[in-house]
N, C-alpha and C. Protein backbone atom coordinates (compact mmCIF):
# COMPACT_ATOMS: atom_id res chain seq x y z
N MET A 1 59.26 40.03 8.58
CA MET A 1 60.21 38.94 8.50
C MET A 1 59.47 37.65 8.15
N THR A 2 60.11 36.85 7.39
CA THR A 2 59.51 35.58 6.98
C THR A 2 60.29 34.42 7.59
N THR A 3 60.44 34.42 8.90
CA THR A 3 61.21 33.39 9.59
C THR A 3 60.36 32.23 10.06
N GLY A 4 59.05 32.41 10.09
CA GLY A 4 58.18 31.40 10.65
C GLY A 4 58.06 31.50 12.16
N ALA A 5 58.68 32.52 12.74
CA ALA A 5 58.63 32.71 14.19
C ALA A 5 57.29 33.33 14.59
N ARG A 6 56.85 33.00 15.77
CA ARG A 6 55.61 33.57 16.31
C ARG A 6 55.85 35.00 16.76
N ARG A 7 54.77 35.76 16.90
CA ARG A 7 54.87 37.17 17.30
C ARG A 7 55.58 37.31 18.65
N ALA A 8 55.21 36.50 19.62
CA ALA A 8 55.82 36.56 20.95
C ALA A 8 57.32 36.26 20.88
N GLU A 9 57.71 35.34 19.98
CA GLU A 9 59.13 35.01 19.83
C GLU A 9 59.91 36.18 19.24
N ILE A 10 59.34 36.85 18.27
CA ILE A 10 60.00 38.02 17.67
C ILE A 10 60.12 39.14 18.69
N LEU A 11 59.05 39.39 19.44
CA LEU A 11 59.08 40.45 20.45
C LEU A 11 60.03 40.12 21.59
N GLY A 12 60.29 38.84 21.82
CA GLY A 12 61.17 38.42 22.90
C GLY A 12 62.65 38.38 22.54
N LEU A 13 63.00 38.75 21.30
CA LEU A 13 64.40 38.73 20.90
C LEU A 13 65.20 39.81 21.62
N THR A 14 66.43 39.48 21.97
CA THR A 14 67.38 40.45 22.50
C THR A 14 68.59 40.46 21.57
N TRP A 15 69.45 41.45 21.72
CA TRP A 15 70.62 41.53 20.84
C TRP A 15 71.52 40.31 20.98
N SER A 16 71.53 39.69 22.14
CA SER A 16 72.36 38.49 22.30
C SER A 16 71.81 37.30 21.52
N ASP A 17 70.57 37.38 21.06
CA ASP A 17 69.96 36.31 20.26
C ASP A 17 70.27 36.45 18.77
N VAL A 18 70.83 37.57 18.36
CA VAL A 18 71.04 37.86 16.94
C VAL A 18 72.53 37.87 16.61
N ASP A 19 72.92 37.09 15.60
CA ASP A 19 74.30 37.08 15.10
C ASP A 19 74.26 37.64 13.68
N LEU A 20 74.58 38.92 13.55
CA LEU A 20 74.50 39.59 12.25
C LEU A 20 75.52 39.05 11.25
N LYS A 21 76.69 38.65 11.72
CA LYS A 21 77.74 38.15 10.81
C LYS A 21 77.36 36.81 10.20
N LYS A 22 76.78 35.93 11.01
CA LYS A 22 76.40 34.60 10.53
C LYS A 22 74.99 34.55 9.95
N GLY A 23 74.18 35.58 10.22
CA GLY A 23 72.80 35.60 9.73
C GLY A 23 71.90 34.62 10.45
N ILE A 24 72.06 34.55 11.78
CA ILE A 24 71.30 33.59 12.57
C ILE A 24 70.58 34.32 13.70
N ILE A 25 69.32 33.95 13.91
CA ILE A 25 68.54 34.43 15.06
C ILE A 25 68.25 33.21 15.92
N ASN A 26 68.60 33.29 17.21
CA ASN A 26 68.32 32.20 18.14
C ASN A 26 67.02 32.50 18.89
N ILE A 27 66.04 31.64 18.69
CA ILE A 27 64.76 31.77 19.37
C ILE A 27 64.88 30.99 20.68
N ARG A 28 64.92 31.71 21.82
CA ARG A 28 65.09 31.05 23.11
C ARG A 28 63.94 31.32 24.07
N HIS A 29 63.17 32.38 23.85
CA HIS A 29 62.06 32.72 24.73
C HIS A 29 61.13 33.68 24.00
N GLY A 30 59.97 33.87 24.59
CA GLY A 30 59.00 34.81 24.03
C GLY A 30 58.65 35.88 25.05
N LEU A 31 58.10 36.97 24.57
CA LEU A 31 57.65 38.05 25.44
C LEU A 31 56.13 38.01 25.50
N TYR A 32 55.59 37.85 26.70
CA TYR A 32 54.15 37.72 26.90
C TYR A 32 53.66 38.80 27.86
N VAL A 33 52.35 39.00 27.90
CA VAL A 33 51.75 39.98 28.81
C VAL A 33 50.48 39.39 29.41
N THR A 34 50.31 39.59 30.71
CA THR A 34 49.07 39.25 31.39
C THR A 34 48.73 40.40 32.34
N LYS A 35 47.48 40.45 32.77
CA LYS A 35 47.08 41.49 33.73
C LYS A 35 47.79 41.31 35.06
N GLU A 36 47.99 40.06 35.47
CA GLU A 36 48.60 39.79 36.76
C GLU A 36 50.10 40.06 36.78
N GLN A 37 50.81 39.65 35.72
CA GLN A 37 52.27 39.73 35.70
C GLN A 37 52.82 40.88 34.87
N GLY A 38 52.01 41.49 34.05
CA GLY A 38 52.52 42.50 33.12
C GLY A 38 53.34 41.82 32.04
N LEU A 39 54.41 42.47 31.58
CA LEU A 39 55.30 41.89 30.57
C LEU A 39 56.29 40.94 31.23
N PHE A 40 56.52 39.78 30.58
CA PHE A 40 57.50 38.84 31.11
C PHE A 40 58.00 37.93 29.99
N PHE A 41 59.23 37.45 30.15
CA PHE A 41 59.82 36.48 29.22
C PHE A 41 59.47 35.08 29.72
N LYS A 42 59.22 34.19 28.76
CA LYS A 42 58.89 32.81 29.10
C LYS A 42 59.51 31.89 28.06
N GLU A 43 60.14 30.82 28.54
CA GLU A 43 60.71 29.83 27.62
C GLU A 43 59.58 29.01 27.01
N PRO A 44 59.79 28.48 25.80
CA PRO A 44 58.77 27.65 25.16
C PRO A 44 58.49 26.39 25.97
N LYS A 45 57.33 25.80 25.73
CA LYS A 45 56.95 24.58 26.44
C LYS A 45 57.86 23.42 26.09
N ASN A 46 58.26 23.30 24.82
CA ASN A 46 59.13 22.20 24.39
C ASN A 46 60.51 22.75 24.08
N LYS A 47 61.52 21.95 24.33
CA LYS A 47 62.89 22.35 24.00
C LYS A 47 63.09 22.45 22.48
N THR A 48 62.26 21.74 21.70
CA THR A 48 62.41 21.80 20.24
C THR A 48 61.96 23.16 19.69
N SER A 49 61.18 23.92 20.48
CA SER A 49 60.78 25.25 20.05
C SER A 49 61.91 26.25 20.15
N GLN A 50 62.94 25.91 20.95
CA GLN A 50 64.13 26.75 20.99
C GLN A 50 64.98 26.36 19.78
N ARG A 51 65.17 27.30 18.87
CA ARG A 51 65.81 26.95 17.61
C ARG A 51 66.58 28.14 17.03
N ALA A 52 67.41 27.84 16.07
CA ALA A 52 68.15 28.87 15.33
C ALA A 52 67.49 29.04 13.97
N VAL A 53 67.26 30.27 13.57
CA VAL A 53 66.64 30.58 12.29
C VAL A 53 67.63 31.39 11.48
N THR A 54 67.87 31.00 10.24
CA THR A 54 68.75 31.78 9.37
C THR A 54 67.95 32.82 8.64
N TYR A 55 68.61 33.92 8.32
CA TYR A 55 67.95 35.00 7.59
C TYR A 55 68.96 35.65 6.66
N SER A 56 68.47 36.41 5.72
CA SER A 56 69.35 37.19 4.84
C SER A 56 68.76 38.59 4.74
N ILE A 57 69.64 39.55 4.64
CA ILE A 57 69.22 40.95 4.57
C ILE A 57 69.08 41.37 3.13
């Protein structure tokens, strides 16, 4: 995908973040991994990182 999204943001997508009819992906959190916590979702540091990205199939 050429959305400009980071790897963690793409891995953190859920179906509720994707609107197939409108062609929009909402980036709201990322999926991260640490030894202590394992896999977990985390919101971006800045609210401006939460964004909608348009795409075409």
